[in-house]
């Protein structure tokens, strides 16, 4: 699969809001990924760190949902958004999670490989290796996907995925890779990247800069002392492994933004 050459552009316009929630800004267009904007997900998981606030958190130009799991398609957070914001979803999302039909007039379903123009950028859907079901039982009616946002630079938001054959061909060289390196509990199941495999992905997609996400934000209530390294450690472990492989990285705290040079956190 052919892809445009990577653009030598500063990697500014990124803010990590925690877990898989990021604000990506490119050429003045802002997209919000997998929004979890509350201090809890259901009654089991609570947020460590600040509840997201600030410009564009509730009124981006579009929202990208990678799959239907509750920590990626979070209904309470979707209801907090401006009612005119379009929501890009995997094809079949309303079949897999009928509650999304309340947003039917705003949904933009895409199959892997399809794209859409949003403002000044193009958003392209890429495959992911992950269970796309809302619940653990029943058919998988909507696939899990990732997204590549193409404007002045190419940004890969992986959602949840593991390594799979052809990943590099689907994603292509990117300026910025936002890669999941952990989970939201004391274990990490199938279909997830750990820090080592995420470093392999960063190398495969020739990331100009890689930022670890999907760790250190949501934790089961009452399990604070259970395997704390799995909660706190994946970001630093990813940085160590990726830089050993020659990939530039930045580890952010939830709420941090990249500096204009793309070399570190900026003031919020």
C-alpha atoms as a PDB file:
ATOM      1  CA  UNK A   1       0.000   0.000   0.000  1.00  0.00           C
ATOM      2  CA  UNK A   2       1.603   3.318  -1.036  1.00  0.00           C
ATOM      3  CA  UNK A   3       1.684   6.212   1.399  1.00  0.00           C
ATOM      4  CA  UNK A   4       2.765   9.836   1.137  1.00  0.00           C
ATOM      5  CA  UNK A   5       6.300  10.627   2.235  1.00  0.00           C
ATOM      6  CA  UNK A   6       6.704  11.741   5.811  1.00  0.00           C
ATOM      7  CA  UNK A   7       6.631  15.517   6.258  1.00  0.00           C
ATOM      8  CA  UNK A   8       9.459  17.198   8.156  1.00  0.00           C
ATOM      9  CA  UNK A   9       7.091  19.265  10.305  1.00  0.00           C
ATOM     10  CA  UNK A  10       7.257  20.146  13.994  1.00  0.00           C
ATOM     11  CA  UNK A  11       5.207  17.718  16.041  1.00  0.00           C
ATOM     12  CA  UNK A  12       3.171  20.268  17.949  1.00  0.00           C
ATOM     13  CA  UNK A  13      -0.547  20.246  18.499  1.00  0.00           C
ATOM     14  CA  UNK A  14      -0.805  17.128  20.655  1.00  0.00           C
ATOM     15  CA  UNK A  15      -2.245  16.861  24.151  1.00  0.00           C
ATOM     16  CA  UNK A  16      -2.642  13.591  26.033  1.00  0.00           C
ATOM     17  CA  UNK A  17      -5.703  13.717  28.275  1.00  0.00           C
ATOM     18  CA  UNK A  18      -5.131  10.268  29.773  1.00  0.00           C
ATOM     19  CA  UNK A  19      -5.747   6.654  28.759  1.00  0.00           C
ATOM     20  CA  UNK A  20      -6.509   6.635  24.989  1.00  0.00           C
ATOM     21  CA  UNK A  21      -7.889  10.186  24.945  1.00  0.00           C
ATOM     22  CA  UNK A  22      -5.783  12.629  22.934  1.00  0.00           C
ATOM     23  CA  UNK A  23      -6.286  15.947  21.175  1.00  0.00           C
ATOM     24  CA  UNK A  24      -4.525  16.022  17.810  1.00  0.00           C
ATOM     25  CA  UNK A  25      -4.249  19.409  16.103  1.00  0.00           C
ATOM     26  CA  UNK A  26      -2.960  19.773  12.561  1.00  0.00           C
ATOM     27  CA  UNK A  27      -3.360  22.806  10.296  1.00  0.00           C
ATOM     28  CA  UNK A  28      -5.910  24.227  12.728  1.00  0.00           C
ATOM     29  CA  UNK A  29      -8.161  21.145  12.719  1.00  0.00           C
ATOM     30  CA  UNK A  30      -8.601  19.353  16.057  1.00  0.00           C
ATOM     31  CA  UNK A  31      -9.688  15.740  16.500  1.00  0.00           C
ATOM     32  CA  UNK A  32     -10.381  14.040  19.829  1.00  0.00           C
ATOM     33  CA  UNK A  33      -9.702  10.316  20.203  1.00  0.00           C
ATOM     34  CA  UNK A  34     -11.620   7.819  22.360  1.00  0.00           C
ATOM     35  CA  UNK A  35     -12.858  10.407  24.860  1.00  0.00           C
ATOM     36  CA  UNK A  36     -13.042   9.484  28.533  1.00  0.00           C
ATOM     37  CA  UNK A  37     -13.717  12.868  30.131  1.00  0.00           C
ATOM     38  CA  UNK A  38     -15.054  11.832  33.544  1.00  0.00           C
ATOM     39  CA  UNK A  39     -13.386  10.763  36.782  1.00  0.00           C
ATOM     40  CA  UNK A  40     -14.729   7.198  36.524  1.00  0.00           C
ATOM     41  CA  UNK A  41     -15.641   4.581  33.943  1.00  0.00           C
ATOM     42  CA  UNK A  42     -18.770   2.783  35.169  1.00  0.00           C
ATOM     43  CA  UNK A  43     -18.435   1.983  38.871  1.00  0.00           C
ATOM     44  CA  UNK A  44     -15.231  -0.048  38.668  1.00  0.00           C
ATOM     45  CA  UNK A  45     -12.473   2.213  37.443  1.00  0.00           C
ATOM     46  CA  UNK A  46     -11.440   5.622  38.678  1.00  0.00           C
ATOM     47  CA  UNK A  47      -9.136   8.203  37.148  1.00  0.00           C
ATOM     48  CA  UNK A  48      -5.705   8.973  38.495  1.00  0.00           C
ATOM     49  CA  UNK A  49      -4.850  12.517  37.491  1.00  0.00           C
ATOM     50  CA  UNK A  50      -6.836  15.571  36.408  1.00  0.00           C
ATOM     51  CA  UNK A  51     -10.249  15.386  34.768  1.00  0.00           C
ATOM     52  CA  UNK A  52      -9.742  16.756  31.226  1.00  0.00           C
ATOM     53  CA  UNK A  53     -10.467  20.450  30.739  1.00  0.00           C
ATOM     54  CA  UNK A  54      -9.323  23.168  28.380  1.00  0.00           C
ATOM     55  CA  UNK A  55      -9.735  24.275  24.765  1.00  0.00           C
ATOM     56  CA  UNK A  56     -11.364  21.840  22.307  1.00  0.00           C
ATOM     57  CA  UNK A  57     -11.915  19.098  24.899  1.00  0.00           C
ATOM     58  CA  UNK A  58     -15.678  19.351  24.440  1.00  0.00           C
ATOM     59  CA  UNK A  59     -15.871  20.957  20.997  1.00  0.00           C
ATOM     60  CA  UNK A  60     -13.290  19.406  18.651  1.00  0.00           C
ATOM     61  CA  UNK A  61     -13.844  19.297  14.910  1.00  0.00           C
ATOM     62  CA  UNK A  62     -14.449  15.534  15.124  1.00  0.00           C
ATOM     63  CA  UNK A  63     -14.205  12.549  17.446  1.00  0.00           C
ATOM     64  CA  UNK A  64     -12.522   9.278  16.473  1.00  0.00           C
ATOM     65  CA  UNK A  65     -13.661   6.067  18.194  1.00  0.00           C
ATOM     66  CA  UNK A  66     -11.350   3.093  17.729  1.00  0.00           C
ATOM     67  CA  UNK A  67     -13.612   0.329  19.092  1.00  0.00           C
ATOM     68  CA  UNK A  68     -16.590  -0.316  21.322  1.00  0.00           C
ATOM     69  CA  UNK A  69     -15.044  -1.209  24.691  1.00  0.00           C
ATOM     70  CA  UNK A  70     -16.277   0.976  27.546  1.00  0.00           C
ATOM     71  CA  UNK A  71     -12.931   2.722  28.015  1.00  0.00           C
ATOM     72  CA  UNK A  72     -12.913   3.771  24.337  1.00  0.00           C
ATOM     73  CA  UNK A  73     -16.610   4.297  23.545  1.00  0.00           C
ATOM     74  CA  UNK A  74     -17.750   5.979  26.755  1.00  0.00           C
ATOM     75  CA  UNK A  75     -21.339   7.157  26.525  1.00  0.00           C
ATOM     76  CA  UNK A  76     -21.171   9.613  29.442  1.00  0.00           C
ATOM     77  CA  UNK A  77     -18.245  11.376  27.808  1.00  0.00           C
ATOM     78  CA  UNK A  78     -19.881  11.431  24.378  1.00  0.00           C
ATOM     79  CA  UNK A  79     -22.902  13.140  25.953  1.00  0.00           C
ATOM     80  CA  UNK A  80     -20.587  15.888  27.276  1.00  0.00           C
ATOM     81  CA  UNK A  81     -19.511  16.910  23.778  1.00  0.00           C
ATOM     82  CA  UNK A  82     -20.954  19.690  21.663  1.00  0.00           C
ATOM     83  CA  UNK A  83     -24.010  18.153  19.943  1.00  0.00           C
ATOM     84  CA  UNK A  84     -22.778  19.114  16.476  1.00  0.00           C
ATOM     85  CA  UNK A  85     -19.450  17.257  16.648  1.00  0.00           C
ATOM     86  CA  UNK A  86     -19.259  14.372  14.129  1.00  0.00           C
ATOM     87  CA  UNK A  87     -18.201  10.992  15.528  1.00  0.00           C
ATOM     88  CA  UNK A  88     -16.154   8.671  13.310  1.00  0.00           C
ATOM     89  CA  UNK A  89     -16.757   5.010  14.195  1.00  0.00           C
ATOM     90  CA  UNK A  90     -15.869   1.571  12.835  1.00  0.00           C
ATOM     91  CA  UNK A  91     -18.337   0.220  10.287  1.00  0.00           C
ATOM     92  CA  UNK A  92     -21.081  -1.714  12.073  1.00  0.00           C
ATOM     93  CA  UNK A  93     -20.665   0.128  15.373  1.00  0.00           C
ATOM     94  CA  UNK A  94     -24.403   0.600  15.934  1.00  0.00           C
ATOM     95  CA  UNK A  95     -24.995  -3.109  15.351  1.00  0.00           C
ATOM     96  CA  UNK A  96     -22.347  -3.979  17.897  1.00  0.00           C
ATOM     97  CA  UNK A  97     -23.518  -1.347  20.392  1.00  0.00           C
ATOM     98  CA  UNK A  98     -27.100  -0.196  19.717  1.00  0.00           C
ATOM     99  CA  UNK A  99     -26.875   2.572  22.356  1.00  0.00           C
ATOM    100  CA  UNK A 100     -24.825   4.553  19.842  1.00  0.00           C
ATOM    101  CA  UNK A 101     -27.968   5.064  17.769  1.00  0.00           C
ATOM    102  CA  UNK A 102     -28.825   8.043  19.955  1.00  0.00           C
ATOM    103  CA  UNK A 103     -25.978   9.780  18.073  1.00  0.00           C
ATOM    104  CA  UNK A 104     -27.075   8.416  14.685  1.00  0.00           C
ATOM    105  CA  UNK A 105     -27.233  11.778  12.894  1.00  0.00           C
ATOM    106  CA  UNK A 106     -23.589  12.445  13.837  1.00  0.00           C
ATOM    107  CA  UNK A 107     -21.995   9.056  13.188  1.00  0.00           C
ATOM    108  CA  UNK A 108     -19.555   8.577  10.314  1.00  0.00           C
ATOM    109  CA  UNK A 109     -18.948   4.806   9.901  1.00  0.00           C
ATOM    110  CA  UNK A 110     -15.768   3.800   8.065  1.00  0.00           C
ATOM    111  CA  UNK A 111     -14.331   0.454   7.042  1.00  0.00           C
ATOM    112  CA  UNK A 112     -10.575  -0.205   7.375  1.00  0.00           C
ATOM    113  CA  UNK A 113      -8.843   1.527   4.485  1.00  0.00           C
ATOM    114  CA  UNK A 114     -11.520   4.191   4.039  1.00  0.00           C
ATOM    115  CA  UNK A 115     -10.962   7.871   4.772  1.00  0.00           C
ATOM    116  CA  UNK A 116     -12.799  11.148   5.226  1.00  0.00           C
ATOM    117  CA  UNK A 117     -11.866  14.795   4.955  1.00  0.00           C
ATOM    118  CA  UNK A 118     -12.323  16.757   8.193  1.00  0.00           C
ATOM    119  CA  UNK A 119     -11.465  20.421   7.945  1.00  0.00           C
ATOM    120  CA  UNK A 120      -7.871  20.660   6.754  1.00  0.00           C
ATOM    121  CA  UNK A 121      -6.926  17.011   7.388  1.00  0.00           C
ATOM    122  CA  UNK A 122      -7.772  13.580   6.045  1.00  0.00           C
ATOM    123  CA  UNK A 123      -8.572  10.824   8.537  1.00  0.00           C
ATOM    124  CA  UNK A 124      -7.879   7.302   7.295  1.00  0.00           C
ATOM    125  CA  UNK A 125      -8.957   4.115   9.066  1.00  0.00           C
ATOM    126  CA  UNK A 126      -6.414   1.308   9.469  1.00  0.00           C
ATOM    127  CA  UNK A 127      -6.868  -2.238  10.807  1.00  0.00           C
ATOM    128  CA  UNK A 128      -6.179  -3.211  14.414  1.00  0.00           C
ATOM    129  CA  UNK A 129      -5.722  -6.586  16.046  1.00  0.00           C
ATOM    130  CA  UNK A 130      -8.084  -6.387  19.004  1.00  0.00           C
ATOM    131  CA  UNK A 131     -11.486  -7.677  20.093  1.00  0.00           C
ATOM    132  CA  UNK A 132     -13.943  -5.116  18.733  1.00  0.00           C
ATOM    133  CA  UNK A 133     -16.985  -6.341  20.648  1.00  0.00           C
ATOM    134  CA  UNK A 134     -18.658  -4.210  23.307  1.00  0.00           C
ATOM    135  CA  UNK A 135     -19.116  -7.250  25.528  1.00  0.00           C
ATOM    136  CA  UNK A 136     -17.116 -10.438  25.872  1.00  0.00           C
ATOM    137  CA  UNK A 137     -19.803 -12.682  24.401  1.00  0.00           C
ATOM    138  CA  UNK A 138     -21.564 -12.639  21.078  1.00  0.00           C
ATOM    139  CA  UNK A 139     -20.446 -11.908  17.522  1.00  0.00           C
ATOM    140  CA  UNK A 140     -17.938  -9.237  16.622  1.00  0.00           C
ATOM    141  CA  UNK A 141     -20.126  -6.948  14.531  1.00  0.00           C
ATOM    142  CA  UNK A 142     -17.720  -4.011  14.322  1.00  0.00           C
ATOM    143  CA  UNK A 143     -13.943  -4.289  13.982  1.00  0.00           C
ATOM    144  CA  UNK A 144     -11.421  -2.501  16.135  1.00  0.00           C
ATOM    145  CA  UNK A 145      -9.486   0.059  14.097  1.00  0.00           C
ATOM    146  CA  UNK A 146      -6.788   2.700  14.347  1.00  0.00           C
ATOM    147  CA  UNK A 147      -6.547   6.007  12.522  1.00  0.00           C
ATOM    148  CA  UNK A 148      -3.966   7.981  10.572  1.00  0.00           C
ATOM    149  CA  UNK A 149      -4.536  11.739  10.573  1.00  0.00           C
ATOM    150  CA  UNK A 150      -2.884  13.328   7.550  1.00  0.00           C
ATOM    151  CA  UNK A 151      -2.272  17.064   7.249  1.00  0.00           C
ATOM    152  CA  UNK A 152       1.019  18.893   7.612  1.00  0.00           C
ATOM    153  CA  UNK A 153       2.231  15.665   9.214  1.00  0.00           C
ATOM    154  CA  UNK A 154       1.043  12.063   9.564  1.00  0.00           C
ATOM    155  CA  UNK A 155      -0.143  11.001  13.023  1.00  0.00           C
ATOM    156  CA  UNK A 156      -0.978   7.387  13.880  1.00  0.00           C
ATOM    157  CA  UNK A 157      -3.473   6.803  16.687  1.00  0.00           C
ATOM    158  CA  UNK A 158      -3.425   3.061  17.273  1.00  0.00           C
ATOM    159  CA  UNK A 159      -6.459   2.745  19.569  1.00  0.00           C
ATOM    160  CA  UNK A 160      -5.961  -0.766  20.990  1.00  0.00           C
ATOM    161  CA  UNK A 161      -4.021  -3.278  18.942  1.00  0.00           C
ATOM    162  CA  UNK A 162      -1.361  -5.926  18.963  1.00  0.00           C
ATOM    163  CA  UNK A 163       1.206  -6.603  16.279  1.00  0.00           C
ATOM    164  CA  UNK A 164      -0.201  -8.117  13.093  1.00  0.00           C
ATOM    165  CA  UNK A 165       1.197  -8.951   9.645  1.00  0.00           C
ATOM    166  CA  UNK A 166       1.097  -5.982   7.300  1.00  0.00           C
ATOM    167  CA  UNK A 167       0.767  -3.335  10.019  1.00  0.00           C
ATOM    168  CA  UNK A 168       3.594  -1.257   8.555  1.00  0.00           C
ATOM    169  CA  UNK A 169       2.034  -1.401   5.081  1.00  0.00           C
ATOM    170  CA  UNK A 170      -1.364  -0.286   6.352  1.00  0.00           C
ATOM    171  CA  UNK A 171      -0.030   2.553   8.488  1.00  0.00           C
ATOM    172  CA  UNK A 172       3.037   3.647   6.549  1.00  0.00           C
ATOM    173  CA  UNK A 173       5.790   5.971   7.760  1.00  0.00           C
ATOM    174  CA  UNK A 174       4.463   8.523  10.268  1.00  0.00           C
ATOM    175  CA  UNK A 175       5.742  11.642  11.957  1.00  0.00           C
ATOM    176  CA  UNK A 176       3.996  10.877  15.251  1.00  0.00           C
ATOM    177  CA  UNK A 177       2.844   7.549  16.689  1.00  0.00           C
ATOM    178  CA  UNK A 178       0.478   7.421  19.678  1.00  0.00           C
ATOM    179  CA  UNK A 179       0.856   3.870  20.933  1.00  0.00           C
ATOM    180  CA  UNK A 180      -0.917   1.939  23.713  1.00  0.00           C
ATOM    181  CA  UNK A 181       1.615   0.431  26.110  1.00  0.00           C
ATOM    182  CA  UNK A 182      -0.546  -0.801  29.011  1.00  0.00           C
ATOM    183  CA  UNK A 183      -4.075  -1.456  30.171  1.00  0.00           C
ATOM    184  CA  UNK A 184      -6.540  -0.421  32.824  1.00  0.00           C
ATOM    185  CA  UNK A 185      -6.121  -3.172  35.373  1.00  0.00           C
ATOM    186  CA  UNK A 186      -3.633  -5.543  36.977  1.00  0.00           C
ATOM    187  CA  UNK A 187      -3.385  -7.774  33.889  1.00  0.00           C
ATOM    188  CA  UNK A 188      -2.902  -7.193  30.172  1.00  0.00           C
ATOM    189  CA  UNK A 189      -4.960  -9.500  27.980  1.00  0.00           C
ATOM    190  CA  UNK A 190      -4.680 -10.597  24.360  1.00  0.00           C
ATOM    191  CA  UNK A 191      -4.865  -7.971  21.664  1.00  0.00           C
ATOM    192  CA  UNK A 192      -2.791  -5.366  23.486  1.00  0.00           C
ATOM    193  CA  UNK A 193       0.675  -3.958  23.032  1.00  0.00           C
ATOM    194  CA  UNK A 194       3.059  -4.055  25.945  1.00  0.00           C
ATOM    195  CA  UNK A 195       6.050  -1.661  26.023  1.00  0.00           C
ATOM    196  CA  UNK A 196       8.300  -4.034  24.089  1.00  0.00           C
ATOM    197  CA  UNK A 197       5.843  -4.762  21.278  1.00  0.00           C
ATOM    198  CA  UNK A 198       4.874  -1.083  21.109  1.00  0.00           C
ATOM    199  CA  UNK A 199       8.544  -0.255  20.527  1.00  0.00           C
ATOM    200  CA  UNK A 200       8.526  -2.736  17.645  1.00  0.00           C
ATOM    201  CA  UNK A 201       5.483  -0.968  16.162  1.00  0.00           C
ATOM    202  CA  UNK A 202       7.201   2.412  16.508  1.00  0.00           C
ATOM    203  CA  UNK A 203      10.126   1.048  14.521  1.00  0.00           C
ATOM    204  CA  UNK A 204       7.914  -0.630  11.899  1.00  0.00           C
ATOM    205  CA  UNK A 205       6.019   2.591  11.150  1.00  0.00           C
ATOM    206  CA  UNK A 206       9.282   4.579  11.168  1.00  0.00           C
ATOM    207  CA  UNK A 207       7.875   7.007  13.727  1.00  0.00           C
ATOM    208  CA  UNK A 208       9.602  10.360  13.808  1.00  0.00           C
ATOM    209  CA  UNK A 209       8.379  10.641  17.399  1.00  0.00           C
ATOM    210  CA  UNK A 210       6.499   8.131  19.555  1.00  0.00           C
ATOM    211  CA  UNK A 211       4.342   8.892  22.604  1.00  0.00           C
ATOM    212  CA  UNK A 212       3.083   6.150  24.957  1.00  0.00           C
ATOM    213  CA  UNK A 213      -0.615   6.239  25.873  1.00  0.00           C
ATOM    214  CA  UNK A 214      -3.252   3.884  27.365  1.00  0.00           C
ATOM    215  CA  UNK A 215      -1.636   3.443  30.772  1.00  0.00           C
ATOM    216  CA  UNK A 216      -1.387   5.190  34.119  1.00  0.00           C
ATOM    217  CA  UNK A 217      -4.868   6.744  34.089  1.00  0.00           C
ATOM    218  CA  UNK A 218      -7.678   4.307  34.949  1.00  0.00           C
ATOM    219  CA  UNK A 219      -7.354   1.757  37.733  1.00  0.00           C
ATOM    220  CA  UNK A 220      -9.823  -0.641  39.361  1.00  0.00           C
ATOM    221  CA  UNK A 221     -11.109   0.705  42.671  1.00  0.00           C
ATOM    222  CA  UNK A 222      -9.570  -1.161  45.582  1.00  0.00           C
ATOM    223  CA  UNK A 223      -6.685  -2.639  43.554  1.00  0.00           C
ATOM    224  CA  UNK A 224      -4.217   0.227  43.990  1.00  0.00           C
ATOM    225  CA  UNK A 225      -1.598  -2.032  45.565  1.00  0.00           C
ATOM    226  CA  UNK A 226      -1.931  -4.888  43.051  1.00  0.00           C
ATOM    227  CA  UNK A 227       0.942  -4.945  40.557  1.00  0.00           C
ATOM    228  CA  UNK A 228       1.493  -1.159  40.678  1.00  0.00           C
ATOM    229  CA  UNK A 229       4.316  -1.411  38.127  1.00  0.00           C
ATOM    230  CA  UNK A 230       1.767  -2.381  35.486  1.00  0.00           C
ATOM    231  CA  UNK A 231      -0.023   0.896  36.185  1.00  0.00           C
ATOM    232  CA  UNK A 232       2.886   3.308  36.621  1.00  0.00           C
ATOM    233  CA  UNK A 233       5.734   1.705  34.700  1.00  0.00           C
ATOM    234  CA  UNK A 234       4.780   1.045  31.053  1.00  0.00           C
ATOM    235  CA  UNK A 235       5.477   4.569  29.782  1.00  0.00           C
ATOM    236  CA  UNK A 236       9.050   4.693  31.029  1.00  0.00           C
ATOM    237  CA  UNK A 237       9.668   1.102  29.925  1.00  0.00           C
ATOM    238  CA  UNK A 238       8.431   1.934  26.419  1.00  0.00           C
ATOM    239  CA  UNK A 239      10.686   5.001  26.263  1.00  0.00           C
ATOM    240  CA  UNK A 240      13.687   2.895  27.270  1.00  0.00           C
ATOM    241  CA  UNK A 241      12.983   0.204  24.685  1.00  0.00           C
ATOM    242  CA  UNK A 242      12.040   2.567  21.851  1.00  0.00           C
ATOM    243  CA  UNK A 243      15.073   4.788  22.315  1.00  0.00           C
ATOM    244  CA  UNK A 244      17.274   1.696  22.393  1.00  0.00           C
ATOM    245  CA  UNK A 245      15.814   0.949  18.939  1.00  0.00           C
ATOM    246  CA  UNK A 246      16.669   4.479  17.761  1.00  0.00           C
ATOM    247  CA  UNK A 247      13.152   5.981  18.041  1.00  0.00           C
ATOM    248  CA  UNK A 248      12.718   9.447  19.547  1.00  0.00           C
ATOM    249  CA  UNK A 249      10.113   9.415  22.319  1.00  0.00           C
ATOM    250  CA  UNK A 250       8.373  11.701  24.800  1.00  0.00           C
ATOM    251  CA  UNK A 251       6.660  10.459  27.953  1.00  0.00           C
ATOM    252  CA  UNK A 252       3.806  12.759  28.981  1.00  0.00           C
ATOM    253  CA  UNK A 253       1.655  12.974  32.081  1.00  0.00           C
ATOM    254  CA  UNK A 254      -2.124  13.077  31.596  1.00  0.00           C
ATOM    255  CA  UNK A 255      -3.019  16.651  30.671  1.00  0.00           C
ATOM    256  CA  UNK A 256       0.394  17.476  29.196  1.00  0.00           C
ATOM    257  CA  UNK A 257       0.945  18.817  25.689  1.00  0.00           C
ATOM    258  CA  UNK A 258       3.965  18.531  23.440  1.00  0.00           C
ATOM    259  CA  UNK A 259       6.162  21.593  23.134  1.00  0.00           C
ATOM    260  CA  UNK A 260       6.299  23.387  19.825  1.00  0.00           C
ATOM    261  CA  UNK A 261       9.561  21.631  18.958  1.00  0.00           C
ATOM    262  CA  UNK A 262       8.031  18.248  19.677  1.00  0.00           C
ATOM    263  CA  UNK A 263      10.748  17.507  22.242  1.00  0.00           C
ATOM    264  CA  UNK A 264       8.889  17.664  25.533  1.00  0.00           C
ATOM    265  CA  UNK A 265       5.837  18.712  27.509  1.00  0.00           C
ATOM    266  CA  UNK A 266       4.537  22.242  27.140  1.00  0.00           C
ATOM    267  CA  UNK A 267       2.792  24.306  29.743  1.00  0.00           C
ATOM    268  CA  UNK A 268      -0.907  23.591  29.894  1.00  0.00           C
END
